[in-house]
Amino acid sequence: MDVPKALLARLSAVAAVLSGGLRVADAFLPAGVDAQLQQFAYFATDLMFIFALCGIYLTRSHRLGLIGLLGFASSITGLLVVRSFGAGAYLLGATVTLLGVVAMGVVMLVRKAFPKWAPILWITSLIVGVVGLLPAGKNFGVTLAGVTFGIGFVAAGISLLGEARDLPAADSSSSDSGSV
């Protein structure tokens, strides 16, 4: 049984909205939150980011070229670095993820392959994050970069939902009804 493209687009759209919303919420978790609860929240956020990135990339991979593919692969790799190597690898993994998403975003803007808001927010997140690493930005920059990044995924999810409405409910292009 084939999975309709509209369903895949909707699921990835929901994942994008959830991942973005969770990323915004994660930025404001109180310092005294139980470590296991905090790690679960971060895991859920990153898992939703992976599902969202798959939908965002795969729905337009034919328009994003090699740079888009490298950006997609980098973004997934960065998330896996954060989850696999712990807090000490957060800055490295988050940077790799952000650079990958920004690479995809730049290609999306140049090739008009996606509505502008999500890529603009991701690029803004990079700029705010760099400023946040400077002494003057230490108190707000990194948090604001994460919030901006998350809002970019919410915007991407909303765009994907709009695209999913335009797709047929079932894929009639497949004649093999028994395929998985």
N, C-alpha and C. Protein backbone atom coordinates (compact mmCIF):
# COMPACT_ATOMS: atom_id res chain seq x y z
N MET A 1 0.84 -1.18 0.00
CA MET A 1 0.00 0.00 0.00
C MET A 1 0.89 1.24 0.00
N ASP A 2 0.66 2.12 -0.94
CA ASP A 2 1.43 3.36 -1.02
C ASP A 2 0.87 4.37 -0.03
N VAL A 3 1.76 5.17 0.51
CA VAL A 3 1.35 6.26 1.39
C VAL A 3 1.19 7.50 0.52
N PRO A 4 0.00 8.12 0.53
CA PRO A 4 -0.22 9.30 -0.31
C PRO A 4 0.73 10.45 0.05
N LYS A 5 1.17 11.18 -0.98
CA LYS A 5 2.07 12.31 -0.76
C LYS A 5 1.44 13.36 0.13
N ALA A 6 0.14 13.55 0.01
CA ALA A 6 -0.55 14.54 0.84
C ALA A 6 -0.44 14.18 2.32
N LEU A 7 -0.55 12.89 2.64
CA LEU A 7 -0.43 12.46 4.03
C LEU A 7 0.99 12.70 4.55
N LEU A 8 1.98 12.36 3.74
CA LEU A 8 3.38 12.59 4.14
C LEU A 8 3.63 14.08 4.34
N ALA A 9 3.10 14.91 3.46
CA ALA A 9 3.28 16.36 3.59
C ALA A 9 2.62 16.86 4.87
N ARG A 10 1.43 16.37 5.17
CA ARG A 10 0.73 16.80 6.40
C ARG A 10 1.49 16.36 7.65
N LEU A 11 1.96 15.13 7.65
CA LEU A 11 2.70 14.63 8.83
C LEU A 11 3.98 15.42 9.05
N SER A 12 4.70 15.72 7.98
CA SER A 12 5.93 16.49 8.14
C SER A 12 5.61 17.94 8.54
N ALA A 13 4.47 18.45 8.07
CA ALA A 13 4.05 19.80 8.47
C ALA A 13 3.76 19.84 9.97
N VAL A 14 3.05 18.84 10.45
CA VAL A 14 2.76 18.77 11.89
C VAL A 14 4.07 18.65 12.68
N ALA A 15 4.99 17.82 12.18
CA ALA A 15 6.29 17.68 12.85
C ALA A 15 7.04 19.01 12.88
N ALA A 16 6.95 19.77 11.80
CA ALA A 16 7.64 21.07 11.76
C ALA A 16 7.04 22.03 12.77
N VAL A 17 5.71 22.09 12.84
CA VAL A 17 5.07 22.98 13.81
C VAL A 17 5.40 22.54 15.23
N LEU A 18 5.33 21.23 15.48
CA LEU A 18 5.65 20.72 16.82
C LEU A 18 7.10 20.97 17.19
N SER A 19 8.02 20.69 16.26
CA SER A 19 9.44 20.88 16.57
C SER A 19 9.73 22.35 16.84
N GLY A 20 9.17 23.22 16.03
CA GLY A 20 9.39 24.65 16.24
C GLY A 20 8.81 25.13 17.56
N GLY A 21 7.58 24.70 17.84
CA GLY A 21 6.95 25.09 19.11
C GLY A 21 7.70 24.54 20.31
N LEU A 22 8.15 23.28 20.21
CA LEU A 22 8.93 22.69 21.30
C LEU A 22 10.26 23.41 21.48
N ARG A 23 10.90 23.81 20.36
CA ARG A 23 12.18 24.53 20.46
C ARG A 23 11.99 25.86 21.18
N VAL A 24 10.91 26.55 20.88
CA VAL A 24 10.62 27.81 21.56
C VAL A 24 10.39 27.53 23.05
N ALA A 25 9.59 26.52 23.36
CA ALA A 25 9.32 26.18 24.77
C ALA A 25 10.59 25.74 25.49
N ASP A 26 11.43 24.95 24.81
CA ASP A 26 12.68 24.47 25.42
C ASP A 26 13.57 25.63 25.86
N ALA A 27 13.52 26.72 25.12
CA ALA A 27 14.36 27.88 25.45
C ALA A 27 13.99 28.48 26.79
N PHE A 28 12.77 28.21 27.24
CA PHE A 28 12.29 28.83 28.47
C PHE A 28 12.07 27.82 29.60
N LEU A 29 12.62 26.61 29.45
CA LEU A 29 12.53 25.65 30.54
C LEU A 29 13.26 26.22 31.76
N PRO A 30 12.63 26.18 32.92
CA PRO A 30 13.30 26.71 34.11
C PRO A 30 14.57 25.93 34.44
N ALA A 31 15.50 26.61 35.07
CA ALA A 31 16.80 26.01 35.39
C ALA A 31 16.66 24.79 36.30
N GLY A 32 15.66 24.75 37.15
CA GLY A 32 15.53 23.67 38.12
C GLY A 32 14.75 22.47 37.63
N VAL A 33 14.45 22.38 36.32
CA VAL A 33 13.68 21.26 35.79
C VAL A 33 14.48 19.97 35.94
N ASP A 34 13.77 18.90 36.27
CA ASP A 34 14.37 17.58 36.39
C ASP A 34 15.17 17.25 35.13
N ALA A 35 16.38 16.75 35.30
CA ALA A 35 17.27 16.49 34.17
C ALA A 35 16.66 15.49 33.19
N GLN A 36 15.98 14.45 33.69
CA GLN A 36 15.37 13.47 32.79
C GLN A 36 14.23 14.09 31.98
N LEU A 37 13.43 14.93 32.60
CA LEU A 37 12.35 15.61 31.90
C LEU A 37 12.92 16.53 30.83
N GLN A 38 13.98 17.24 31.19
CA GLN A 38 14.63 18.14 30.23
C GLN A 38 15.18 17.36 29.04
N GLN A 39 15.84 16.24 29.29
CA GLN A 39 16.40 15.44 28.21
C GLN A 39 15.30 14.85 27.32
N PHE A 40 14.19 14.46 27.94
CA PHE A 40 13.07 13.96 27.15
C PHE A 40 12.51 15.06 26.24
N ALA A 41 12.38 16.27 26.79
CA ALA A 41 11.88 17.39 25.99
C ALA A 41 12.82 17.67 24.82
N TYR A 42 14.12 17.63 25.05
CA TYR A 42 15.08 17.87 23.99
C TYR A 42 15.05 16.74 22.95
N PHE A 43 14.92 15.50 23.42
CA PHE A 43 14.84 14.37 22.50
C PHE A 43 13.60 14.49 21.61
N ALA A 44 12.44 14.79 22.21
CA ALA A 44 11.20 14.93 21.44
C ALA A 44 11.33 16.05 20.41
N THR A 45 11.94 17.15 20.82
CA THR A 45 12.14 18.28 19.91
C THR A 45 13.00 17.85 18.73
N ASP A 46 14.12 17.22 19.00
CA ASP A 46 15.04 16.83 17.93
C ASP A 46 14.44 15.76 17.02
N LEU A 47 13.67 14.84 17.58
CA LEU A 47 13.00 13.83 16.77
C LEU A 47 12.02 14.50 15.81
N MET A 48 11.26 15.45 16.30
CA MET A 48 10.32 16.17 15.43
C MET A 48 11.08 16.99 14.38
N PHE A 49 12.25 17.56 14.76
CA PHE A 49 13.07 18.28 13.77
C PHE A 49 13.48 17.33 12.63
N ILE A 50 13.87 16.12 12.97
CA ILE A 50 14.29 15.16 11.94
C ILE A 50 13.14 14.86 11.00
N PHE A 51 11.96 14.56 11.55
CA PHE A 51 10.79 14.29 10.70
C PHE A 51 10.45 15.52 9.85
N ALA A 52 10.51 16.70 10.45
CA ALA A 52 10.20 17.93 9.73
C ALA A 52 11.20 18.16 8.61
N LEU A 53 12.47 18.01 8.89
CA LEU A 53 13.50 18.22 7.87
C LEU A 53 13.32 17.26 6.70
N CYS A 54 12.95 16.03 7.00
CA CYS A 54 12.71 15.06 5.92
C CYS A 54 11.61 15.56 5.00
N GLY A 55 10.52 16.02 5.58
CA GLY A 55 9.41 16.52 4.76
C GLY A 55 9.76 17.79 4.01
N ILE A 56 10.44 18.69 4.69
CA ILE A 56 10.82 19.96 4.05
C ILE A 56 11.75 19.69 2.87
N TYR A 57 12.76 18.86 3.09
CA TYR A 57 13.72 18.58 2.02
C TYR A 57 13.11 17.71 0.91
N LEU A 58 12.50 16.60 1.28
CA LEU A 58 12.05 15.64 0.28
C LEU A 58 10.95 16.18 -0.63
N THR A 59 10.15 17.11 -0.14
CA THR A 59 9.10 17.67 -0.99
C THR A 59 9.64 18.60 -2.06
N ARG A 60 10.90 19.00 -1.95
CA ARG A 60 11.46 19.91 -2.95
C ARG A 60 12.91 19.58 -3.27
N SER A 61 13.33 18.36 -3.03
CA SER A 61 14.72 17.97 -3.26
C SER A 61 15.15 18.21 -4.70
N HIS A 62 14.24 18.03 -5.63
CA HIS A 62 14.56 18.22 -7.06
C HIS A 62 14.91 19.68 -7.38
N ARG A 63 14.58 20.61 -6.49
CA ARG A 63 14.88 22.03 -6.75
C ARG A 63 16.05 22.54 -5.90
N LEU A 64 16.54 21.73 -4.96
CA LEU A 64 17.55 22.23 -4.03
C LEU A 64 18.98 21.85 -4.41
N GLY A 65 19.16 20.94 -5.34
CA GLY A 65 20.49 20.60 -5.82
C GLY A 65 21.43 20.04 -4.76
N LEU A 66 22.71 20.06 -5.10
CA LEU A 66 23.73 19.49 -4.23
C LEU A 66 23.84 20.27 -2.91
N ILE A 67 23.79 21.58 -2.96
CA ILE A 67 23.89 22.37 -1.72
C ILE A 67 22.72 22.07 -0.80
N GLY A 68 21.54 21.92 -1.35
CA GLY A 68 20.38 21.56 -0.55
C GLY A 68 20.55 20.20 0.09
N LEU A 69 21.05 19.24 -0.68
CA LEU A 69 21.30 17.90 -0.13
C LEU A 69 22.34 17.94 0.99
N LEU A 70 23.42 18.67 0.76
CA LEU A 70 24.46 18.78 1.80
C LEU A 70 23.92 19.48 3.04
N GLY A 71 23.09 20.49 2.84
CA GLY A 71 22.48 21.18 3.97
C GLY A 71 21.56 20.25 4.75
N PHE A 72 20.75 19.48 4.04
CA PHE A 72 19.87 18.51 4.68
C PHE A 72 20.68 17.49 5.48
N ALA A 73 21.69 16.91 4.84
CA ALA A 73 22.53 15.90 5.52
C ALA A 73 23.23 16.50 6.73
N SER A 74 23.72 17.72 6.61
CA SER A 74 24.40 18.39 7.72
C SER A 74 23.44 18.64 8.88
N SER A 75 22.22 19.06 8.55
CA SER A 75 21.27 19.36 9.62
C SER A 75 20.92 18.10 10.41
N ILE A 76 20.73 16.99 9.73
CA ILE A 76 20.43 15.72 10.42
C ILE A 76 21.66 15.28 11.22
N THR A 77 22.83 15.39 10.62
CA THR A 77 24.07 15.01 11.31
C THR A 77 24.26 15.82 12.58
N GLY A 78 24.03 17.12 12.50
CA GLY A 78 24.17 17.97 13.69
C GLY A 78 23.23 17.56 14.81
N LEU A 79 21.99 17.23 14.47
CA LEU A 79 21.05 16.77 15.49
C LEU A 79 21.52 15.47 16.12
N LEU A 80 22.07 14.57 15.31
CA LEU A 80 22.57 13.31 15.84
C LEU A 80 23.80 13.51 16.72
N VAL A 81 24.63 14.49 16.39
CA VAL A 81 25.79 14.81 17.24
C VAL A 81 25.32 15.27 18.61
N VAL A 82 24.34 16.14 18.64
CA VAL A 82 23.80 16.64 19.92
C VAL A 82 23.25 15.48 20.74
N ARG A 83 22.45 14.61 20.14
CA ARG A 83 21.82 13.50 20.87
C ARG A 83 22.82 12.43 21.25
N SER A 84 23.87 12.22 20.45
CA SER A 84 24.80 11.12 20.69
C SER A 84 25.93 11.44 21.65
N PHE A 85 26.36 12.70 21.67
CA PHE A 85 27.56 13.02 22.43
C PHE A 85 27.30 13.92 23.64
N GLY A 86 26.06 14.24 23.92
CA GLY A 86 25.70 14.95 25.13
C GLY A 86 25.96 16.44 25.10
N ALA A 87 25.82 17.02 26.28
CA ALA A 87 25.88 18.48 26.44
C ALA A 87 27.19 19.08 25.96
N GLY A 88 28.28 18.35 26.08
CA GLY A 88 29.57 18.86 25.65
C GLY A 88 29.65 19.08 24.15
N ALA A 89 28.79 18.39 23.40
CA ALA A 89 28.80 18.51 21.95
C ALA A 89 27.67 19.40 21.44
N TYR A 90 26.93 20.03 22.35
CA TYR A 90 25.76 20.80 21.93
C TYR A 90 26.14 21.92 20.97
N LEU A 91 27.13 22.71 21.31
CA LEU A 91 27.49 23.85 20.46
C LEU A 91 27.90 23.38 19.06
N LEU A 92 28.71 22.32 18.99
CA LEU A 92 29.12 21.79 17.69
C LEU A 92 27.91 21.28 16.91
N GLY A 93 27.10 20.44 17.53
CA GLY A 93 25.95 19.86 16.85
C GLY A 93 24.94 20.91 16.43
N ALA A 94 24.66 21.86 17.32
CA ALA A 94 23.70 22.92 16.99
C ALA A 94 24.21 23.78 15.84
N THR A 95 25.51 24.03 15.82
CA THR A 95 26.10 24.82 14.74
C THR A 95 25.99 24.10 13.41
N VAL A 96 26.32 22.81 13.40
CA VAL A 96 26.23 22.02 12.18
C VAL A 96 24.78 21.98 11.69
N THR A 97 23.84 21.78 12.62
CA THR A 97 22.42 21.77 12.25
C THR A 97 22.01 23.10 11.66
N LEU A 98 22.33 24.17 12.34
CA LEU A 98 21.93 25.50 11.88
C LEU A 98 22.55 25.83 10.52
N LEU A 99 23.83 25.53 10.35
CA LEU A 99 24.47 25.79 9.06
C LEU A 99 23.82 24.98 7.94
N GLY A 100 23.44 23.75 8.24
CA GLY A 100 22.76 22.92 7.24
C GLY A 100 21.40 23.48 6.87
N VAL A 101 20.63 23.89 7.87
CA VAL A 101 19.31 24.46 7.60
C VAL A 101 19.45 25.78 6.85
N VAL A 102 20.44 26.58 7.22
CA VAL A 102 20.67 27.85 6.52
C VAL A 102 21.07 27.59 5.07
N ALA A 103 21.91 26.59 4.82
CA ALA A 103 22.29 26.26 3.44
C ALA A 103 21.06 25.89 2.62
N MET A 104 20.19 25.06 3.18
CA MET A 104 18.94 24.74 2.48
C MET A 104 18.10 25.99 2.28
N GLY A 105 18.04 26.83 3.31
CA GLY A 105 17.24 28.05 3.24
C GLY A 105 17.72 29.01 2.17
N VAL A 106 19.03 29.17 2.06
CA VAL A 106 19.58 30.07 1.04
C VAL A 106 19.21 29.56 -0.36
N VAL A 107 19.36 28.26 -0.58
CA VAL A 107 19.00 27.69 -1.88
C VAL A 107 17.50 27.87 -2.12
N MET A 108 16.69 27.67 -1.09
CA MET A 108 15.25 27.86 -1.24
C MET A 108 14.92 29.28 -1.68
N LEU A 109 15.61 30.25 -1.08
CA LEU A 109 15.36 31.65 -1.45
C LEU A 109 15.83 31.94 -2.87
N VAL A 110 17.03 31.50 -3.20
CA VAL A 110 17.59 31.79 -4.52
C VAL A 110 16.75 31.14 -5.62
N ARG A 111 16.31 29.91 -5.38
CA ARG A 111 15.56 29.18 -6.42
C ARG A 111 14.04 29.31 -6.25
N LYS A 112 13.64 30.13 -5.28
CA LYS A 112 12.20 30.31 -5.01
C LYS A 112 11.50 28.96 -4.84
N ALA A 113 12.13 28.11 -4.04
CA ALA A 113 11.64 26.74 -3.86
C ALA A 113 10.80 26.57 -2.61
N PHE A 114 10.57 27.64 -1.86
CA PHE A 114 9.80 27.55 -0.61
C PHE A 114 9.39 28.97 -0.25
N PRO A 115 8.26 29.14 0.42
CA PRO A 115 7.91 30.49 0.88
C PRO A 115 9.04 31.10 1.71
N LYS A 116 9.17 32.41 1.65
CA LYS A 116 10.35 33.11 2.18
C LYS A 116 10.50 33.09 3.69
N TRP A 117 9.41 33.07 4.45
CA TRP A 117 9.51 33.32 5.89
C TRP A 117 10.39 32.34 6.63
N ALA A 118 10.24 31.06 6.39
CA ALA A 118 11.05 30.08 7.12
C ALA A 118 12.55 30.26 6.84
N PRO A 119 12.98 30.29 5.58
CA PRO A 119 14.41 30.50 5.33
C PRO A 119 14.94 31.81 5.91
N ILE A 120 14.15 32.88 5.84
CA ILE A 120 14.59 34.16 6.40
C ILE A 120 14.78 34.05 7.90
N LEU A 121 13.86 33.37 8.56
CA LEU A 121 13.98 33.19 10.02
C LEU A 121 15.20 32.32 10.37
N TRP A 122 15.48 31.30 9.58
CA TRP A 122 16.66 30.46 9.85
C TRP A 122 17.95 31.25 9.66
N ILE A 123 18.02 32.07 8.64
CA ILE A 123 19.21 32.90 8.41
C ILE A 123 19.35 33.92 9.54
N THR A 124 18.23 34.50 9.94
CA THR A 124 18.24 35.44 11.07
C THR A 124 18.73 34.75 12.33
N SER A 125 18.32 33.51 12.54
CA SER A 125 18.77 32.74 13.70
C SER A 125 20.29 32.60 13.72
N LEU A 126 20.88 32.36 12.56
CA LEU A 126 22.34 32.26 12.48
C LEU A 126 22.98 33.59 12.87
N ILE A 127 22.47 34.67 12.34
CA ILE A 127 23.04 35.99 12.64
C ILE A 127 22.91 36.30 14.13
N VAL A 128 21.73 36.06 14.68
CA VAL A 128 21.50 36.31 16.11
C VAL A 128 22.38 35.39 16.96
N GLY A 129 22.55 34.15 16.53
CA GLY A 129 23.40 33.22 17.26
C GLY A 129 24.85 33.64 17.29
N VAL A 130 25.36 34.14 16.18
CA VAL A 130 26.74 34.64 16.13
C VAL A 130 26.90 35.83 17.07
N VAL A 131 25.94 36.75 17.01
CA VAL A 131 25.97 37.90 17.92
C VAL A 131 25.89 37.42 19.36
N GLY A 132 25.10 36.37 19.58
CA GLY A 132 24.96 35.82 20.93
C GLY A 132 26.23 35.23 21.50
N LEU A 133 27.16 34.89 20.65
CA LEU A 133 28.43 34.35 21.13
C LEU A 133 29.39 35.45 21.57
N LEU A 134 29.10 36.68 21.16
CA LEU A 134 29.92 37.82 21.57
C LEU A 134 29.59 38.18 23.02
N PRO A 135 30.54 38.77 23.75
CA PRO A 135 30.27 39.11 25.16
C PRO A 135 29.01 39.97 25.36
N ALA A 136 28.75 40.90 24.46
CA ALA A 136 27.59 41.77 24.62
C ALA A 136 26.28 41.03 24.43
N GLY A 137 26.30 39.91 23.71
CA GLY A 137 25.07 39.18 23.43
C GLY A 137 24.85 37.95 24.28
N LYS A 138 25.74 37.68 25.21
CA LYS A 138 25.69 36.45 26.00
C LYS A 138 24.36 36.25 26.73
N ASN A 139 23.75 37.32 27.20
CA ASN A 139 22.55 37.18 28.01
C ASN A 139 21.30 36.84 27.22
N PHE A 140 21.27 37.15 25.95
CA PHE A 140 20.04 36.96 25.20
C PHE A 140 20.23 36.28 23.85
N GLY A 141 21.38 36.40 23.25
CA GLY A 141 21.57 36.02 21.86
C GLY A 141 21.32 34.56 21.55
N VAL A 142 21.89 33.66 22.32
CA VAL A 142 21.74 32.24 22.03
C VAL A 142 20.29 31.81 22.21
N THR A 143 19.64 32.30 23.27
CA THR A 143 18.22 31.97 23.49
C THR A 143 17.36 32.53 22.37
N LEU A 144 17.61 33.77 21.99
CA LEU A 144 16.83 34.38 20.91
C LEU A 144 17.07 33.67 19.59
N ALA A 145 18.28 33.21 19.35
CA ALA A 145 18.58 32.45 18.13
C ALA A 145 17.77 31.16 18.10
N GLY A 146 17.69 30.47 19.22
CA GLY A 146 16.90 29.23 19.29
C GLY A 146 15.42 29.48 19.08
N VAL A 147 14.92 30.56 19.65
CA VAL A 147 13.51 30.91 19.47
C VAL A 147 13.24 31.24 18.01
N THR A 148 14.11 32.01 17.39
CA THR A 148 13.95 32.38 15.98
C THR A 148 14.00 31.14 15.09
N PHE A 149 14.92 30.24 15.39
CA PHE A 149 15.03 28.97 14.67
C PHE A 149 13.72 28.19 14.77
N GLY A 150 13.18 28.10 15.99
CA GLY A 150 11.93 27.38 16.20
C GLY A 150 10.77 28.01 15.45
N ILE A 151 10.67 29.32 15.50
CA ILE A 151 9.60 30.02 14.78
C ILE A 151 9.72 29.77 13.27
N GLY A 152 10.96 29.65 12.78
CA GLY A 152 11.17 29.31 11.37
C GLY A 152 10.56 27.96 11.02
N PHE A 153 10.66 27.00 11.93
CA PHE A 153 10.06 25.69 11.66
C PHE A 153 8.55 25.74 11.75
N VAL A 154 8.01 26.55 12.65
CA VAL A 154 6.56 26.73 12.69
C VAL A 154 6.09 27.30 11.34
N ALA A 155 6.80 28.31 10.85
CA ALA A 155 6.46 28.91 9.55
C ALA A 155 6.56 27.87 8.43
N ALA A 156 7.59 27.04 8.47
CA ALA A 156 7.75 26.00 7.46
C ALA A 156 6.60 25.01 7.53
N GLY A 157 6.19 24.65 8.73
CA GLY A 157 5.07 23.72 8.88
C GLY A 157 3.78 24.29 8.33
N ILE A 158 3.54 25.55 8.59
CA ILE A 158 2.34 26.20 8.06
C ILE A 158 2.37 26.21 6.53
N SER A 159 3.55 26.48 5.96
CA SER A 159 3.69 26.45 4.50
C SER A 159 3.44 25.05 3.96
N LEU A 160 3.99 24.04 4.63
CA LEU A 160 3.79 22.66 4.18
C LEU A 160 2.32 22.26 4.26
N LEU A 161 1.62 22.70 5.30
CA LEU A 161 0.20 22.40 5.40
C LEU A 161 -0.57 22.99 4.23
N GLY A 162 -0.21 24.21 3.85
CA GLY A 162 -0.84 24.83 2.69
C GLY A 162 -0.56 24.06 1.42
N GLU A 163 0.65 23.58 1.25
CA GLU A 163 1.00 22.78 0.08
C GLU A 163 0.26 21.45 0.08
N ALA A 164 0.10 20.85 1.26
CA ALA A 164 -0.56 19.55 1.36
C ALA A 164 -2.02 19.64 0.93
N ARG A 165 -2.65 20.79 1.16
CA ARG A 165 -4.04 20.96 0.74
C ARG A 165 -4.20 20.89 -0.77
N ASP A 166 -3.13 21.24 -1.49
CA ASP A 166 -3.19 21.25 -2.95
C ASP A 166 -2.86 19.89 -3.58
N LEU A 167 -2.42 18.94 -2.74
CA LEU A 167 -2.08 17.61 -3.27
C LEU A 167 -3.32 16.72 -3.26
N PRO A 168 -3.40 15.76 -4.18
CA PRO A 168 -4.54 14.84 -4.16
C PRO A 168 -4.51 14.00 -2.88
N ALA A 169 -5.69 13.66 -2.38
CA ALA A 169 -5.81 12.90 -1.13
C ALA A 169 -5.18 11.53 -1.25
N ALA A 170 -5.24 10.92 -2.41
CA ALA A 170 -4.63 9.61 -2.64
C ALA A 170 -3.82 9.68 -3.92
N ASP A 171 -2.73 8.95 -3.93
CA ASP A 171 -1.87 8.91 -5.10
C ASP A 171 -2.44 7.91 -6.10
N SER A 172 -2.91 8.39 -7.23
CA SER A 172 -3.46 7.52 -8.24
C SER A 172 -2.40 7.12 -9.27
N SER A 173 -1.17 7.61 -9.07
CA SER A 173 -0.11 7.34 -10.05
C SER A 173 0.45 5.94 -9.93
N SER A 174 0.15 5.25 -8.84
CA SER A 174 0.70 3.92 -8.65
C SER A 174 -0.33 2.87 -9.05
N SER A 175 0.06 1.96 -9.91
CA SER A 175 -0.86 0.90 -10.33
C SER A 175 -0.67 -0.35 -9.47
N ASP A 176 0.34 -0.39 -8.64
CA ASP A 176 0.62 -1.55 -7.80
C ASP A 176 -0.01 -1.32 -6.44
N SER A 177 -1.25 -1.73 -6.26
CA SER A 177 -1.95 -1.49 -5.00
C SER A 177 -1.44 -2.36 -3.88
N GLY A 178 -0.63 -3.36 -4.18
CA GLY A 178 -0.12 -4.23 -3.13
C GLY A 178 1.25 -3.83 -2.63
N SER A 179 1.84 -2.76 -3.15
CA SER A 179 3.18 -2.37 -2.71
C SER A 179 3.16 -1.73 -1.35
N VAL A 180 4.26 -1.81 -0.66
CA VAL A 180 4.38 -1.23 0.67
C VAL A 180 5.20 0.02 0.61
